[in-house]
Amino acid sequence: MNTVLHSLRSIFETLVSRPVLGFPIAGALMGGAFYTPYLWWAGMCGLTFFLLGLQDVPSRKQAFWYGSLAGTIKTLIASSWVWAVFPLDWMGDFGTIPQIFGIGWMWVTGSIAVGSSLGIFAYAIQPYLTHTFRYWIIPIAYVLSELLGSLFFSIIQYGPGGSVNIHTSFGYLGYTVAEHGILGFFAIGVGVYGLSLGITLFALFLSIHVDRCRWSVEDARYRFQFLILPLLILVTYFFPSLFHDQEMGIRVATVNTQYENRFDLTRLEQGDRIRHTIKAFEAALGSGSDIILFPETAEALKVFGTPENVFDFIRSKTTDDLLVIDSDKLRDVIDGTSAVRAVMYDTKTNGVHSAYKKFLVPSGEYVPYQLSIMMSVLGFSETKNALGEALEFVPGTDTERGVQTALPAVLFCSESVSPVQSFNVAREAALPVIVHPVSHAWLNEPKMFWYQLDLMLRTQARFARLPIVQASNMALSHGYDAFGNPIQGETIYETASTSVVVYEL
């Protein structure tokens, strides 16, 4: 045992004494935790190493720069899924070079902006690493730094359709333990903030005791404390969920599609998509579900023309009272901009209601100013103009709901990355469920992105204390109970391009 601890001490001493090596390693560990479920533990280890390294940095100024370096590396890795948008075939032939420049520019500048928040965190806490109240000061400071990183991201990605906010939470370290059998439930009622507080507390504890072991490897107390906590954290990862939600008797059917984004569909191809979607819709209507949910911007029921025709079709297939939730792009005929909305058809009252998407995707639904400027400077003005025309979306207006109608909360695709949006929309829900229409047609097999969204949705369900059901285009359907536990759906209909999955809540 002493030999192992002496070897560990030697490694730590080498790296800690060379922060130009140690902090990049810490950042790489924290970022790598978002890459795959098998590396969930790396986030806590990376933050432990980060805090340990700060103890040997002589000044706050150096702490800022080393912290910013670690934060940038962390964010570069955690957000590397953005390269899954390449190639942008669905937006036309923009050429390889403009695409690589555009994606790379947004990836690097966004990572630097977010990463600098970790530098500010390091600067702020460096004098308090040995403070009596460090177990209060440092975790709170870390959560605030994550919020600051979101703020910096919104500023660097600002553009028409964007806003200055703290909504984008990719890279929040707390998400790395969202699947943990015990630690994941720190999110109940407080969301990812509770997870980040918890993981920082554990990392701080470990850093303090690793530091003590550096100088006291013969002291059995420190060896025990250093080894027992990591062992408990590892073992409890495999514990089953401690909480399960009671059944509410709500049955939700998701109509999922596999339609690539294309602007050049022929009328024959459009007709095929409509036929496949309506057949899947008919299968969903026969499932006895209370809610039928389509993916984001599916525009599945547009073919019927009017709400009256939609209700007539539904009644020709079932006499059950149900809620059908489609999604479309509402275009403004004056300025040409579009807003994404969910259109809810309530067969019980023959009422039609809408909920609008409030948070948009930078470079996906609007073009940030800094990207527009960069493309103009580099001579890609035509590409910039084409992107601007294709991505002219604006945040929607407030939800339009009937007073007497029981409707679920609607959480759109990009809104799941907000730490608080599930809680916000849950306050509008008369039905105790959050429906989550998404479309990932602008990405190419983004497995890392899907993994992070799964962590976010688990956390969102625990924060809002409501189950979440996801209908998808070019992604898998998912269901989670109010404690973030995955719900196994039943696939009742499936073709190469569509499927219907039913969830019992």
Protein backbone atom coordinates (compact mmCIF):
# COMPACT_ATOMS: atom_id res chain seq x y z
CA MET A 1 0.00 0.00 0.00
CA ASN A 2 2.76 2.43 0.92
CA THR A 3 4.51 1.73 -2.39
CA VAL A 4 1.33 2.56 -4.32
CA LEU A 5 0.75 5.75 -2.37
CA HIS A 6 4.36 6.81 -2.80
CA SER A 7 4.05 6.25 -6.55
CA LEU A 8 0.83 8.26 -6.68
CA ARG A 9 2.49 11.03 -4.71
CA SER A 10 5.38 11.11 -7.16
CA ILE A 11 2.98 11.45 -10.13
CA PHE A 12 0.98 14.17 -8.41
CA GLU A 13 4.12 16.07 -7.46
CA THR A 14 5.36 16.01 -11.05
CA LEU A 15 2.10 17.25 -12.52
CA VAL A 16 1.20 19.73 -9.80
CA SER A 17 4.63 21.29 -9.97
CA ARG A 18 4.11 21.78 -13.72
CA PRO A 19 0.69 23.44 -14.07
CA VAL A 20 1.20 23.85 -17.80
CA LEU A 21 0.74 20.06 -17.89
CA GLY A 22 -1.50 19.53 -14.89
CA PHE A 23 -4.30 21.95 -15.76
CA PRO A 24 -4.73 20.69 -19.36
CA ILE A 25 -4.99 17.16 -17.94
CA ALA A 26 -7.63 18.35 -15.48
CA GLY A 27 -9.57 20.00 -18.30
CA ALA A 28 -9.30 16.92 -20.49
CA LEU A 29 -10.64 14.72 -17.69
CA MET A 30 -13.59 17.03 -17.05
CA GLY A 31 -14.41 17.27 -20.75
CA GLY A 32 -13.90 13.57 -21.36
CA ALA A 33 -16.59 12.74 -18.80
CA PHE A 34 -19.16 13.92 -21.38
CA TYR A 35 -17.84 11.68 -24.11
CA THR A 36 -19.22 8.33 -23.01
CA PRO A 37 -21.06 6.84 -19.99
CA TYR A 38 -17.95 4.84 -19.15
CA LEU A 39 -16.05 8.02 -18.26
CA TRP A 40 -18.62 9.52 -15.88
CA TRP A 41 -16.08 9.38 -13.03
CA ALA A 42 -13.55 11.50 -14.95
CA GLY A 43 -15.43 14.71 -14.22
CA MET A 44 -15.01 14.37 -10.48
CA CYS A 45 -11.38 13.28 -10.89
CA GLY A 46 -10.64 16.21 -13.19
CA LEU A 47 -12.14 18.75 -10.80
CA THR A 48 -10.23 17.14 -7.93
CA PHE A 49 -7.00 17.50 -9.85
CA PHE A 50 -7.94 21.08 -10.80
CA LEU A 51 -8.46 22.06 -7.14
CA LEU A 52 -5.29 20.26 -6.14
CA GLY A 53 -3.30 22.17 -8.75
CA LEU A 54 -4.66 25.50 -7.55
CA GLN A 55 -3.05 24.95 -4.16
CA ASP A 56 0.38 25.29 -5.76
CA VAL A 57 -0.34 28.27 -8.02
CA PRO A 58 1.36 31.30 -6.45
CA SER A 59 -0.95 34.09 -7.64
CA ARG A 60 -4.58 34.73 -8.52
CA LYS A 61 -3.57 36.05 -11.93
CA GLN A 62 -1.86 32.77 -12.77
CA ALA A 63 -4.85 30.90 -11.36
CA PHE A 64 -7.09 32.72 -13.83
CA TRP A 65 -4.98 31.86 -16.86
CA TYR A 66 -4.45 28.22 -15.88
CA GLY A 67 -8.13 27.91 -15.01
CA SER A 68 -9.14 29.39 -18.37
CA LEU A 69 -6.83 26.94 -20.13
CA ALA A 70 -8.39 23.99 -18.33
CA GLY A 71 -11.90 25.34 -18.93
CA THR A 72 -11.31 25.84 -22.64
CA ILE A 73 -9.95 22.32 -23.07
CA LYS A 74 -12.87 20.94 -21.07
CA THR A 75 -15.40 22.78 -23.25
CA LEU A 76 -13.66 21.91 -26.51
CA ILE A 77 -14.01 18.22 -25.65
CA ALA A 78 -17.51 18.42 -24.16
CA SER A 79 -18.83 20.36 -27.17
CA SER A 80 -16.92 18.44 -29.85
CA TRP A 81 -20.24 16.84 -30.85
CA VAL A 82 -20.84 20.04 -32.85
CA TRP A 83 -18.75 18.49 -35.63
CA ALA A 84 -21.59 16.02 -36.15
CA VAL A 85 -23.29 18.70 -38.24
CA PHE A 86 -20.61 18.24 -40.91
CA PRO A 87 -21.26 17.87 -43.80
CA LEU A 88 -24.20 20.29 -44.10
CA ASP A 89 -25.65 18.48 -47.11
CA TRP A 90 -29.20 19.49 -46.27
CA MET A 91 -28.37 23.19 -46.67
CA GLY A 92 -27.02 22.85 -50.18
CA ASP A 93 -23.52 22.81 -51.61
CA PHE A 94 -21.68 25.39 -49.54
CA GLY A 95 -18.31 23.76 -50.07
CA THR A 96 -16.09 21.99 -47.59
CA ILE A 97 -13.86 24.94 -46.66
CA PRO A 98 -16.65 27.35 -45.62
CA GLN A 99 -18.26 24.62 -43.56
CA ILE A 100 -15.05 23.73 -41.73
CA PHE A 101 -14.28 27.41 -41.09
CA GLY A 102 -17.78 28.11 -39.83
CA ILE A 103 -18.09 25.07 -37.57
CA GLY A 104 -14.55 25.39 -36.27
CA TRP A 105 -14.92 29.12 -35.59
CA MET A 106 -18.09 28.63 -33.55
CA TRP A 107 -16.60 25.64 -31.70
CA VAL A 108 -13.39 27.41 -30.70
CA THR A 109 -14.82 30.84 -29.86
CA GLY A 110 -17.66 29.32 -27.85
CA SER A 111 -15.23 27.08 -25.96
CA ILE A 112 -12.92 29.99 -25.11
CA ALA A 113 -15.86 32.07 -23.89
CA VAL A 114 -17.23 29.30 -21.68
CA GLY A 115 -13.75 28.19 -20.58
CA SER A 116 -12.90 31.64 -19.26
CA SER A 117 -15.59 31.20 -16.60
CA LEU A 118 -13.49 28.44 -15.04
CA GLY A 119 -10.59 30.89 -14.97
CA ILE A 120 -12.76 33.37 -13.09
CA PHE A 121 -13.72 30.57 -10.69
CA ALA A 122 -10.05 29.78 -10.09
CA TYR A 123 -9.26 33.47 -9.54
CA ALA A 124 -12.14 33.84 -7.08
CA ILE A 125 -11.48 30.78 -4.91
CA GLN A 126 -7.68 30.68 -4.89
CA PRO A 127 -7.41 32.55 -1.54
CA TYR A 128 -10.13 30.37 0.02
CA LEU A 129 -8.72 26.88 -0.61
CA THR A 130 -7.80 26.57 3.07
CA HIS A 131 -10.54 28.81 4.43
CA THR A 132 -12.70 27.55 7.29
CA PHE A 133 -15.84 27.87 5.15
CA ARG A 134 -14.33 26.45 1.96
CA TYR A 135 -16.95 23.67 1.83
CA TRP A 136 -19.56 26.42 1.41
CA ILE A 137 -17.64 28.96 -0.64
CA ILE A 138 -16.10 26.75 -3.32
CA PRO A 139 -19.17 24.67 -4.37
CA ILE A 140 -21.37 27.77 -4.60
CA ALA A 141 -18.65 29.59 -6.54
CA TYR A 142 -18.39 26.67 -8.97
CA VAL A 143 -22.14 26.64 -9.70
CA LEU A 144 -22.02 30.40 -10.26
CA SER A 145 -19.11 29.92 -12.66
CA GLU A 146 -21.17 27.47 -14.71
CA LEU A 147 -23.96 30.04 -14.94
CA LEU A 148 -21.38 32.64 -15.94
CA GLY A 149 -20.14 30.33 -18.69
CA SER A 150 -23.69 30.07 -20.06
CA LEU A 151 -23.95 33.86 -20.00
CA PHE A 152 -20.66 34.24 -21.89
CA PHE A 153 -21.84 31.65 -24.44
CA SER A 154 -25.06 33.55 -25.13
CA ILE A 155 -23.08 36.76 -25.62
CA ILE A 156 -20.57 35.23 -28.04
CA GLN A 157 -23.42 33.52 -29.93
CA TYR A 158 -25.72 36.53 -29.95
CA GLY A 159 -27.60 37.28 -33.14
CA PRO A 160 -31.06 37.93 -34.61
CA GLY A 161 -33.28 35.48 -32.74
CA GLY A 162 -30.84 35.10 -29.87
CA SER A 163 -30.81 36.65 -26.42
CA VAL A 164 -28.46 37.24 -23.50
CA ASN A 165 -29.30 34.40 -21.12
CA ILE A 166 -27.98 31.53 -18.98
CA HIS A 167 -29.86 28.75 -20.77
CA THR A 168 -27.17 26.68 -22.50
CA SER A 169 -25.83 24.19 -19.98
CA PHE A 170 -23.62 21.88 -22.07
CA GLY A 171 -20.56 21.11 -19.96
CA TYR A 172 -22.18 21.54 -16.56
CA LEU A 173 -20.15 19.06 -14.56
CA GLY A 174 -23.10 17.92 -12.48
CA TYR A 175 -24.63 16.18 -15.49
CA THR A 176 -21.82 13.63 -15.43
CA VAL A 177 -23.39 11.93 -12.39
CA ALA A 178 -27.01 12.15 -13.59
CA GLU A 179 -26.99 8.39 -14.26
CA HIS A 180 -25.39 7.61 -10.90
CA GLY A 181 -27.56 5.33 -8.78
CA ILE A 182 -27.32 7.61 -5.74
CA LEU A 183 -25.59 10.87 -6.64
CA GLY A 184 -28.01 11.46 -9.53
CA PHE A 185 -30.84 12.13 -7.12
CA PHE A 186 -29.15 15.25 -5.80
CA ALA A 187 -31.09 16.80 -8.71
CA ILE A 188 -34.54 16.24 -7.17
CA GLY A 189 -36.16 19.64 -6.83
CA VAL A 190 -32.99 21.62 -7.69
CA GLY A 191 -31.86 20.18 -11.02
CA VAL A 192 -28.29 20.21 -12.26
CA TYR A 193 -27.39 22.86 -9.70
CA GLY A 194 -27.71 20.25 -6.96
CA LEU A 195 -25.58 17.79 -8.96
CA SER A 196 -22.86 20.38 -9.52
CA LEU A 197 -22.85 21.35 -5.85
CA GLY A 198 -22.56 17.70 -4.86
CA ILE A 199 -19.78 16.84 -7.29
CA THR A 200 -17.79 19.93 -6.22
CA LEU A 201 -18.13 18.97 -2.56
CA PHE A 202 -16.79 15.49 -3.25
CA ALA A 203 -13.98 16.83 -5.44
CA LEU A 204 -12.99 19.34 -2.75
CA PHE A 205 -12.97 16.62 -0.10
CA LEU A 206 -10.81 14.39 -2.30
CA SER A 207 -8.40 17.21 -3.19
CA ILE A 208 -7.85 18.04 0.47
CA HIS A 209 -7.15 14.43 1.39
CA VAL A 210 -5.00 13.75 -1.64
CA ASP A 211 -2.95 16.77 -0.59
CA ARG A 212 -2.65 15.39 2.94
CA CYS A 213 -1.56 12.03 1.56
CA ARG A 214 1.19 13.79 -0.37
CA TRP A 215 2.81 14.66 2.92
CA SER A 216 1.43 11.98 5.25
CA VAL A 217 1.41 8.69 3.34
CA GLU A 218 2.21 6.85 6.58
CA ASP A 219 -0.90 8.16 8.34
CA ALA A 220 -3.56 5.46 8.20
CA ARG A 221 -6.38 7.99 8.77
CA TYR A 222 -5.64 9.84 5.53
CA ARG A 223 -5.09 6.67 3.55
CA PHE A 224 -8.48 5.34 4.69
CA GLN A 225 -10.33 8.60 3.97
CA PHE A 226 -8.64 8.95 0.60
CA LEU A 227 -9.55 5.45 -0.53
CA ILE A 228 -12.99 4.86 1.00
CA LEU A 229 -14.88 7.76 -0.62
CA PRO A 230 -13.84 7.01 -4.24
CA LEU A 231 -14.66 3.36 -3.61
CA LEU A 232 -18.13 4.22 -2.29
CA ILE A 233 -18.78 6.53 -5.23
CA LEU A 234 -17.77 3.84 -7.72
CA VAL A 235 -19.78 1.08 -6.06
CA THR A 236 -22.95 3.11 -5.61
CA TYR A 237 -22.98 4.00 -9.33
CA PHE A 238 -24.39 0.53 -9.94
CA PHE A 239 -27.10 0.79 -7.27
CA PRO A 240 -30.65 0.65 -8.60
CA SER A 241 -32.74 3.80 -8.47
CA LEU A 242 -33.91 4.61 -4.97
CA PHE A 243 -37.16 6.25 -6.05
CA HIS A 244 -39.89 5.36 -8.48
CA ASP A 245 -42.87 7.40 -9.51
CA GLN A 246 -46.42 6.17 -9.02
CA GLU A 247 -48.42 5.41 -12.13
CA MET A 248 -50.65 8.28 -13.24
CA GLY A 249 -52.73 6.39 -15.79
CA ILE A 250 -51.65 8.54 -18.74
CA ARG A 251 -50.83 6.80 -22.01
CA VAL A 252 -48.64 8.66 -24.51
CA ALA A 253 -47.95 7.54 -28.08
CA THR A 254 -44.99 9.02 -29.93
CA VAL A 255 -44.90 9.07 -33.73
CA ASN A 256 -41.22 9.01 -34.66
CA THR A 257 -39.74 9.58 -38.10
CA GLN A 258 -36.47 9.10 -39.98
CA TYR A 259 -36.64 12.00 -42.43
CA GLU A 260 -33.44 13.77 -43.39
CA ASN A 261 -33.41 17.55 -43.72
CA ARG A 262 -33.66 18.41 -47.41
CA PHE A 263 -34.78 21.50 -49.26
CA ASP A 264 -34.96 19.77 -52.65
CA LEU A 265 -37.67 17.16 -52.05
CA THR A 266 -39.67 16.28 -55.15
CA ARG A 267 -43.46 16.20 -54.97
CA LEU A 268 -43.29 12.40 -55.13
CA GLU A 269 -40.90 12.27 -52.15
CA GLN A 270 -43.07 14.69 -50.21
CA GLY A 271 -46.10 12.54 -50.93
CA ASP A 272 -44.31 9.40 -49.74
CA ARG A 273 -43.38 11.08 -46.46
CA ILE A 274 -46.97 12.21 -45.93
CA ARG A 275 -48.35 8.72 -46.59
CA HIS A 276 -45.89 7.06 -44.21
CA THR A 277 -46.58 9.60 -41.49
CA ILE A 278 -50.37 9.30 -41.74
CA LYS A 279 -50.19 5.50 -41.60
CA ALA A 280 -48.15 5.79 -38.41
CA PHE A 281 -50.69 8.31 -37.10
CA GLU A 282 -53.50 5.84 -37.77
CA ALA A 283 -51.62 3.20 -35.77
CA ALA A 284 -51.22 5.68 -32.91
CA LEU A 285 -54.95 6.51 -33.03
CA GLY A 286 -55.70 2.85 -32.49
CA SER A 287 -53.42 2.55 -29.45
CA GLY A 288 -55.92 3.92 -26.92
CA SER A 289 -53.53 6.71 -25.96
CA ASP A 290 -54.47 9.93 -24.20
CA ILE A 291 -51.78 11.94 -26.02
CA ILE A 292 -50.25 11.49 -29.48
CA LEU A 293 -47.01 13.39 -30.01
CA PHE A 294 -45.17 14.17 -33.27
CA PRO A 295 -41.53 15.38 -33.56
CA GLU A 296 -40.57 19.04 -33.74
CA THR A 297 -41.62 20.74 -37.02
CA ALA A 298 -43.17 17.50 -38.26
CA GLU A 299 -46.07 19.39 -39.86
CA ALA A 300 -47.75 16.00 -40.04
CA LEU A 301 -51.34 17.26 -40.03
CA LYS A 302 -50.80 20.12 -42.46
CA VAL A 303 -52.06 17.86 -45.25
CA PHE A 304 -55.59 18.06 -43.82
CA GLY A 305 -55.76 21.80 -44.42
CA THR A 306 -58.03 22.91 -41.58
CA PRO A 307 -58.49 21.94 -37.91
CA GLU A 308 -62.02 20.76 -38.74
CA ASN A 309 -60.60 18.24 -41.20
CA VAL A 310 -58.09 17.08 -38.59
CA PHE A 311 -60.87 16.42 -36.07
CA ASP A 312 -62.98 14.67 -38.73
CA PHE A 313 -60.08 12.34 -39.56
CA ILE A 314 -59.44 11.55 -35.90
CA ARG A 315 -63.11 10.80 -35.28
CA SER A 316 -63.19 8.51 -38.29
CA LYS A 317 -60.56 6.35 -36.59
CA THR A 318 -61.48 6.52 -32.89
CA THR A 319 -64.19 7.71 -30.53
CA ASP A 320 -61.76 8.21 -27.65
CA ASP A 321 -61.05 11.68 -26.31
CA LEU A 322 -57.40 12.48 -26.84
CA LEU A 323 -54.88 15.22 -27.43
CA VAL A 324 -52.83 15.28 -30.65
CA ILE A 325 -49.70 17.47 -30.61
CA ASP A 326 -48.20 18.36 -33.98
CA SER A 327 -45.43 20.90 -34.57
CA ASP A 328 -44.85 23.34 -37.40
CA LYS A 329 -43.06 26.51 -38.52
CA LEU A 330 -45.32 29.55 -38.50
CA ARG A 331 -43.97 31.97 -41.11
CA ASP A 332 -44.51 35.72 -40.89
CA VAL A 333 -45.66 36.92 -44.31
CA ILE A 334 -44.31 40.43 -43.67
CA ASP A 335 -40.69 39.91 -42.58
CA GLY A 336 -40.24 36.28 -43.65
CA THR A 337 -39.16 35.02 -40.22
CA SER A 338 -40.48 31.78 -38.75
CA ALA A 339 -41.45 30.70 -35.25
CA VAL A 340 -41.57 27.07 -34.15
CA ARG A 341 -44.77 26.08 -32.39
CA ALA A 342 -46.59 23.02 -31.12
CA VAL A 343 -50.21 22.84 -32.24
CA MET A 344 -52.44 20.90 -29.84
CA TYR A 345 -55.75 19.44 -31.05
CA ASP A 346 -58.10 18.59 -28.19
CA THR A 347 -60.88 16.26 -29.40
CA LYS A 348 -62.81 16.65 -26.15
CA THR A 349 -63.50 20.34 -26.80
CA ASN A 350 -62.55 20.58 -30.49
CA GLY A 351 -60.16 23.30 -29.38
CA VAL A 352 -56.82 24.12 -30.98
CA HIS A 353 -54.02 25.51 -28.82
CA SER A 354 -50.42 26.55 -29.41
CA ALA A 355 -47.13 26.67 -27.51
CA TYR A 356 -44.12 28.46 -29.00
CA LYS A 357 -40.42 27.68 -28.86
CA LYS A 358 -38.69 30.37 -26.84
CA PHE A 359 -34.98 29.43 -27.02
CA LEU A 360 -33.36 28.98 -30.41
CA VAL A 361 -30.23 27.12 -31.52
CA PRO A 362 -27.32 29.37 -32.56
CA SER A 363 -26.18 28.48 -36.09
CA GLY A 364 -29.17 26.13 -36.28
CA GLU A 365 -32.11 28.53 -36.15
CA TYR A 366 -30.34 31.86 -36.38
CA VAL A 367 -26.90 33.05 -37.49
CA PRO A 368 -24.81 34.67 -34.73
CA TYR A 369 -23.39 38.09 -35.56
CA GLN A 370 -19.80 37.04 -35.00
CA LEU A 371 -20.20 34.16 -37.50
CA SER A 372 -21.74 36.54 -40.07
CA ILE A 373 -18.85 38.97 -39.65
CA MET A 374 -16.23 36.23 -39.87
CA MET A 375 -17.74 34.80 -43.07
CA SER A 376 -17.90 38.26 -44.67
CA VAL A 377 -14.27 38.99 -43.80
CA LEU A 378 -13.14 35.67 -45.29
CA GLY A 379 -15.08 36.21 -48.50
CA PHE A 380 -17.99 33.84 -47.88
CA SER A 381 -20.72 36.46 -48.20
CA GLU A 382 -22.89 34.31 -50.46
CA THR A 383 -22.79 31.48 -47.95
CA LYS A 384 -23.61 33.92 -45.16
CA ASN A 385 -26.62 35.25 -47.06
CA ALA A 386 -27.88 31.75 -47.85
CA LEU A 387 -27.57 30.75 -44.19
CA GLY A 388 -29.36 33.90 -43.12
CA GLU A 389 -32.29 33.14 -45.40
CA ALA A 390 -32.51 29.51 -44.28
CA LEU A 391 -32.19 30.30 -40.57
CA GLU A 392 -34.54 33.21 -40.08
CA PHE A 393 -36.26 32.03 -36.92
CA VAL A 394 -37.44 34.13 -34.00
CA PRO A 395 -38.52 33.20 -30.46
CA GLY A 396 -42.27 32.64 -30.35
CA THR A 397 -44.91 34.47 -28.38
CA ASP A 398 -46.50 33.21 -25.19
CA THR A 399 -48.47 29.99 -25.12
CA GLU A 400 -52.01 30.21 -26.44
CA ARG A 401 -54.17 27.92 -24.32
CA GLY A 402 -57.84 27.51 -23.59
CA VAL A 403 -58.74 28.24 -19.98
CA GLN A 404 -60.69 25.03 -19.44
CA THR A 405 -58.36 22.74 -21.38
CA ALA A 406 -56.02 20.30 -19.61
CA LEU A 407 -52.77 20.45 -21.59
CA PRO A 408 -49.28 19.10 -20.90
CA ALA A 409 -46.13 21.20 -20.73
CA VAL A 410 -44.17 21.45 -23.99
CA LEU A 411 -40.37 21.37 -23.94
CA PHE A 412 -38.90 21.90 -27.40
CA CYS A 413 -35.67 20.43 -28.71
CA SER A 414 -33.05 22.99 -27.69
CA GLU A 415 -34.97 24.02 -24.58
CA SER A 416 -33.94 20.83 -22.79
CA VAL A 417 -30.40 22.23 -22.46
CA SER A 418 -31.68 25.02 -20.20
CA PRO A 419 -31.23 24.17 -16.51
CA VAL A 420 -34.59 25.76 -15.64
CA GLN A 421 -36.87 25.54 -18.67
CA SER A 422 -38.49 22.24 -17.64
CA PHE A 423 -39.39 23.87 -14.33
CA ASN A 424 -40.74 26.94 -16.14
CA VAL A 425 -42.98 25.03 -18.53
CA ALA A 426 -44.10 22.63 -15.80
CA ARG A 427 -45.88 25.52 -14.10
CA GLU A 428 -48.13 25.77 -17.17
CA ALA A 429 -49.04 22.09 -17.21
CA ALA A 430 -52.60 21.11 -16.36
CA LEU A 431 -51.75 17.52 -17.31
CA PRO A 432 -48.87 16.16 -15.19
CA VAL A 433 -46.50 15.39 -18.06
CA ILE A 434 -43.91 17.18 -20.20
CA VAL A 435 -43.95 16.38 -23.92
CA HIS A 436 -40.64 16.85 -25.71
CA PRO A 437 -40.79 17.10 -29.53
CA VAL A 438 -37.30 17.08 -31.06
CA SER A 439 -35.60 16.81 -34.44
CA HIS A 440 -31.93 16.02 -34.94
CA ALA A 441 -32.04 15.97 -38.73
CA TRP A 442 -29.30 18.62 -38.91
CA LEU A 443 -26.82 16.25 -37.19
CA ASN A 444 -25.09 13.12 -38.49
CA GLU A 445 -25.18 10.31 -35.90
CA PRO A 446 -24.25 12.52 -32.91
CA LYS A 447 -23.85 9.79 -30.27
CA MET A 448 -22.02 12.09 -27.86
CA PHE A 449 -24.77 14.70 -28.27
CA TRP A 450 -27.49 12.12 -27.60
CA TYR A 451 -25.68 10.93 -24.48
CA GLN A 452 -25.52 14.45 -23.08
CA LEU A 453 -29.19 15.09 -23.88
CA ASP A 454 -30.11 11.89 -22.04
CA LEU A 455 -28.28 13.18 -18.95
CA MET A 456 -30.09 16.51 -19.28
CA LEU A 457 -33.54 14.96 -19.63
CA ARG A 458 -33.02 12.74 -16.57
CA THR A 459 -32.09 15.87 -14.64
CA GLN A 460 -34.96 17.92 -16.09
CA ALA A 461 -37.51 15.31 -15.01
CA ARG A 462 -36.17 15.34 -11.44
CA PHE A 463 -36.12 19.13 -11.34
CA ALA A 464 -39.68 19.55 -12.63
CA ARG A 465 -40.94 16.42 -10.81
CA LEU A 466 -42.86 15.46 -13.95
CA PRO A 467 -42.37 12.61 -16.42
CA ILE A 468 -40.99 13.51 -19.86
CA VAL A 469 -41.86 11.80 -23.15
CA GLN A 470 -39.85 12.52 -26.29
CA ALA A 471 -40.94 12.12 -29.91
CA SER A 472 -38.09 12.35 -32.39
CA ASN A 473 -37.10 12.81 -35.97
CA MET A 474 -33.73 11.16 -36.72
CA ALA A 475 -33.27 10.11 -33.09
CA LEU A 476 -34.71 7.61 -30.63
CA SER A 477 -37.89 8.14 -28.68
CA HIS A 478 -37.47 8.30 -24.90
CA GLY A 479 -39.58 8.31 -21.77
CA TYR A 480 -38.60 9.20 -18.19
CA ASP A 481 -40.63 9.08 -15.00
CA ALA A 482 -40.67 11.98 -12.55
CA PHE A 483 -37.50 10.62 -10.87
CA GLY A 484 -35.58 10.52 -14.13
CA ASN A 485 -35.75 6.74 -14.50
CA PRO A 486 -36.05 5.56 -18.12
CA ILE A 487 -39.47 4.16 -19.04
CA GLN A 488 -39.54 1.25 -21.43
CA GLY A 489 -41.91 2.08 -24.27
CA GLU A 490 -43.81 -0.47 -26.36
CA THR A 491 -43.26 -0.26 -30.11
CA ILE A 492 -46.63 -0.99 -31.72
CA TYR A 493 -45.81 0.05 -35.29
CA GLU A 494 -42.56 0.26 -37.21
CA THR A 495 -41.38 0.77 -40.77
CA ALA A 496 -38.09 1.91 -42.27
CA SER A 497 -39.13 5.56 -41.94
CA THR A 498 -41.64 5.69 -39.06
CA SER A 499 -42.43 4.10 -35.73
CA VAL A 500 -45.01 4.43 -32.97
CA VAL A 501 -43.88 3.90 -29.37
CA VAL A 502 -46.37 3.92 -26.48
CA TYR A 503 -45.45 4.88 -22.92
CA GLU A 504 -47.54 4.11 -19.83
CA LEU A 505 -47.04 6.86 -17.26
